[in-house]
Amino acid sequence: MTVWIGLIRAIGPATHAKMSMQDLREGCRAAGLDKVATYIQTGNLLIDSRKSAATVQATVQRVLASFGLTNLVVIRRADALEAVIAADPFPEAAQVRPSEMCVCFLAARPGSEGLARLGDYHGPERLAFVGEDLCVDYPDGVTGSKLMPGAIERRLGVAATARNWNTVRKLLALAQAYKA
């Protein structure tokens, strides 16, 4: 069995009116995913399954569709989160202001044009790719930044969903405990 982390983009008050986290868990189980849990109310799933990443993603997308939602779902193995945490490209930010550092989990690899557009940005934010994902340090805070996750998506030409460093660490800890 593999522990998959499902990261659903843009879950909040509007989507809660259509689907609660309990409904999401139950829907995923009814759709054939084995062991399913959620973390906080922002669309974080832990799934222990023998199914492939593509199958898990398609299943979660179908469950969301059953609630009338089309939100992006990005799937990662627990070891991908572990690699991001181990790489910790901005350790001082992770230590001092982890809520102002995030990981953008990309739905696909960006092309060279997208990488060039992102590279053309010169702001206070620091960027580092770790594996498939982009770590962003917001030294002046996320609010008011000109490089919020939506701007990163537009520059890269790739859909993504972001989680702050605290959430990524917690998801990894939960995934490690979930497997046990």
Protein backbone atom coordinates (compact mmCIF):
# COMPACT_ATOMS: atom_id res chain seq x y z
CA MET A 1 0.00 0.00 0.00
CA THR A 2 1.09 3.53 -0.73
CA VAL A 3 0.12 6.62 1.23
CA TRP A 4 -1.01 9.26 -1.25
CA ILE A 5 -1.58 12.88 -0.35
CA GLY A 6 -4.39 14.45 -2.34
CA LEU A 7 -4.20 18.23 -2.51
CA ILE A 8 -7.39 19.82 -3.75
CA ARG A 9 -7.20 23.38 -5.02
CA ALA A 10 -9.54 26.14 -3.82
CA ILE A 11 -11.51 24.38 -1.10
CA GLY A 12 -13.23 26.87 1.18
CA PRO A 13 -16.58 28.32 2.21
CA ALA A 14 -18.12 28.16 -1.29
CA THR A 15 -17.23 24.50 -1.73
CA HIS A 16 -18.16 23.57 1.86
CA ALA A 17 -21.74 24.52 1.01
CA LYS A 18 -21.67 21.70 -1.57
CA MET A 19 -19.36 19.17 0.11
CA SER A 20 -18.06 18.73 3.65
CA MET A 21 -14.80 16.95 4.40
CA GLN A 22 -16.87 14.09 5.84
CA ASP A 23 -18.79 13.88 2.55
CA LEU A 24 -15.49 13.90 0.67
CA ARG A 25 -14.08 11.04 2.80
CA GLU A 26 -17.25 9.00 2.45
CA GLY A 27 -17.41 9.66 -1.29
CA CYS A 28 -13.82 8.54 -1.75
CA ARG A 29 -14.42 5.36 0.23
CA ALA A 30 -17.61 4.61 -1.69
CA ALA A 31 -15.65 5.13 -4.94
CA GLY A 32 -13.23 2.38 -3.96
CA LEU A 33 -10.36 4.16 -2.25
CA ASP A 34 -9.22 2.13 0.71
CA LYS A 35 -8.25 4.10 3.78
CA VAL A 36 -9.14 7.83 3.53
CA ALA A 37 -8.67 10.70 5.98
CA THR A 38 -8.73 14.49 5.69
CA TYR A 39 -6.66 17.16 7.39
CA ILE A 40 -8.27 20.50 8.20
CA GLN A 41 -11.00 21.95 6.02
CA THR A 42 -8.90 22.97 3.01
CA GLY A 43 -8.94 19.86 0.86
CA ASN A 44 -6.06 17.73 2.12
CA LEU A 45 -6.57 13.99 1.76
CA LEU A 46 -4.53 11.06 3.03
CA ILE A 47 -5.23 7.88 1.10
CA ASP A 48 -3.63 4.52 1.79
CA SER A 49 -4.18 2.49 -1.37
CA ARG A 50 -2.71 0.00 -3.80
CA LYS A 51 -4.05 2.06 -6.68
CA SER A 52 -1.78 4.21 -8.88
CA ALA A 53 -1.49 7.98 -8.55
CA ALA A 54 -3.45 8.42 -11.80
CA THR A 55 -6.25 6.18 -10.55
CA VAL A 56 -6.39 7.92 -7.16
CA GLN A 57 -6.46 11.34 -8.85
CA ALA A 58 -9.19 10.32 -11.31
CA THR A 59 -11.24 8.83 -8.47
CA VAL A 60 -11.01 11.98 -6.34
CA GLN A 61 -11.89 14.11 -9.41
CA ARG A 62 -14.99 11.93 -10.00
CA VAL A 63 -16.01 12.29 -6.34
CA LEU A 64 -15.62 16.08 -6.58
CA ALA A 65 -17.66 16.08 -9.80
CA SER A 66 -20.44 14.23 -7.98
CA PHE A 67 -20.72 17.33 -5.77
CA GLY A 68 -20.68 19.65 -8.77
CA LEU A 69 -17.04 20.67 -8.22
CA THR A 70 -14.26 20.83 -10.81
CA ASN A 71 -11.36 21.70 -8.49
CA LEU A 72 -7.87 20.62 -9.48
CA VAL A 73 -6.50 17.60 -7.59
CA VAL A 74 -2.74 17.10 -7.28
CA ILE A 75 -1.53 13.75 -5.94
CA ARG A 76 1.83 13.21 -4.26
CA ARG A 77 3.41 10.27 -2.48
CA ALA A 78 4.39 10.84 1.12
CA ASP A 79 8.06 10.50 0.14
CA ALA A 80 7.70 13.50 -2.22
CA LEU A 81 6.66 15.65 0.76
CA GLU A 82 9.48 14.12 2.75
CA ALA A 83 11.95 15.16 0.02
CA VAL A 84 10.63 18.74 0.04
CA ILE A 85 10.93 18.96 3.82
CA ALA A 86 14.41 17.39 3.79
CA ALA A 87 15.61 19.78 1.07
CA ASP A 88 14.22 22.79 2.99
CA PRO A 89 15.63 25.40 0.60
CA PHE A 90 14.94 28.26 3.03
CA PRO A 91 15.63 26.87 6.52
CA GLU A 92 15.61 30.23 8.29
CA ALA A 93 12.18 31.07 6.84
CA ALA A 94 10.88 27.60 7.71
CA GLN A 95 12.06 28.12 11.29
CA VAL A 96 11.02 31.74 11.85
CA ARG A 97 7.96 32.25 9.61
CA PRO A 98 6.71 28.91 8.27
CA SER A 99 3.27 30.33 7.47
CA GLU A 100 4.96 32.75 5.03
CA MET A 101 6.65 29.98 3.11
CA CYS A 102 4.69 27.72 0.80
CA VAL A 103 5.00 24.82 -1.55
CA CYS A 104 3.22 25.10 -4.90
CA PHE A 105 2.32 21.56 -5.91
CA LEU A 106 2.33 21.67 -9.70
CA ALA A 107 -0.10 19.62 -11.78
CA ALA A 108 2.52 19.17 -14.53
CA ARG A 109 6.11 20.02 -15.32
CA PRO A 110 6.44 23.58 -16.62
CA GLY A 111 7.94 24.10 -20.05
CA SER A 112 11.00 26.21 -20.77
CA GLU A 113 8.87 29.25 -21.69
CA GLY A 114 7.03 29.11 -18.37
CA LEU A 115 10.28 28.72 -16.46
CA ALA A 116 11.68 31.73 -18.32
CA ARG A 117 8.61 33.84 -17.44
CA LEU A 118 8.98 32.88 -13.79
CA GLY A 119 12.71 33.59 -13.97
CA ASP A 120 11.95 37.08 -15.31
CA TYR A 121 10.24 37.97 -12.01
CA HIS A 122 12.46 39.96 -9.67
CA GLY A 123 10.81 40.53 -6.34
CA PRO A 124 11.59 39.89 -2.73
CA GLU A 125 10.29 36.30 -2.92
CA ARG A 126 12.81 33.49 -3.14
CA LEU A 127 12.03 30.45 -5.29
CA ALA A 128 13.42 26.92 -5.36
CA PHE A 129 12.22 23.86 -7.20
CA VAL A 130 12.39 20.64 -5.22
CA GLY A 131 11.44 17.69 -7.36
CA GLU A 132 8.16 18.49 -9.10
CA ASP A 133 7.23 21.32 -6.78
CA LEU A 134 8.12 24.96 -6.17
CA CYS A 135 9.00 26.30 -2.73
CA VAL A 136 8.36 30.01 -2.28
CA ASP A 137 9.61 32.16 0.57
CA TYR A 138 7.53 35.31 1.07
CA PRO A 139 9.82 37.48 3.25
CA ASP A 140 7.29 40.34 3.23
CA GLY A 141 4.30 38.02 3.69
CA VAL A 142 2.01 36.33 1.21
CA THR A 143 -0.66 39.01 1.39
CA GLY A 144 0.22 41.80 -0.99
CA SER A 145 2.84 39.80 -2.84
CA LYS A 146 2.86 40.17 -6.61
CA LEU A 147 3.84 36.50 -6.85
CA MET A 148 0.92 34.80 -5.18
CA PRO A 149 0.17 31.23 -6.30
CA GLY A 150 -2.20 32.41 -9.05
CA ALA A 151 0.56 34.59 -10.53
CA ILE A 152 2.95 31.64 -10.36
CA GLU A 153 0.45 29.52 -12.29
CA ARG A 154 0.09 32.20 -14.98
CA ARG A 155 3.84 32.63 -15.34
CA LEU A 156 4.53 28.89 -15.47
CA GLY A 157 1.47 28.05 -17.55
CA VAL A 158 0.77 25.17 -15.15
CA ALA A 159 -2.07 24.72 -12.66
CA ALA A 160 -1.05 24.29 -9.03
CA THR A 161 -2.28 24.27 -5.47
CA ALA A 162 -0.26 25.74 -2.61
CA ARG A 163 0.14 24.83 1.05
CA ASN A 164 2.16 26.66 3.67
CA TRP A 165 5.15 25.01 5.28
CA ASN A 166 3.26 24.23 8.49
CA THR A 167 0.62 22.31 6.53
CA VAL A 168 3.20 20.43 4.46
CA ARG A 169 5.03 19.33 7.61
CA LYS A 170 1.79 18.26 9.26
CA LEU A 171 0.68 16.33 6.17
CA LEU A 172 3.99 14.48 6.12
CA ALA A 173 3.72 13.62 9.83
CA LEU A 174 0.16 12.41 9.35
CA ALA A 175 1.14 10.36 6.28
CA GLN A 176 3.96 8.70 8.21
CA ALA A 177 1.63 7.90 11.11
CA TYR A 178 -1.14 6.81 8.73
CA LYS A 179 1.05 4.10 7.26
CA ALA A 180 1.95 2.71 10.67
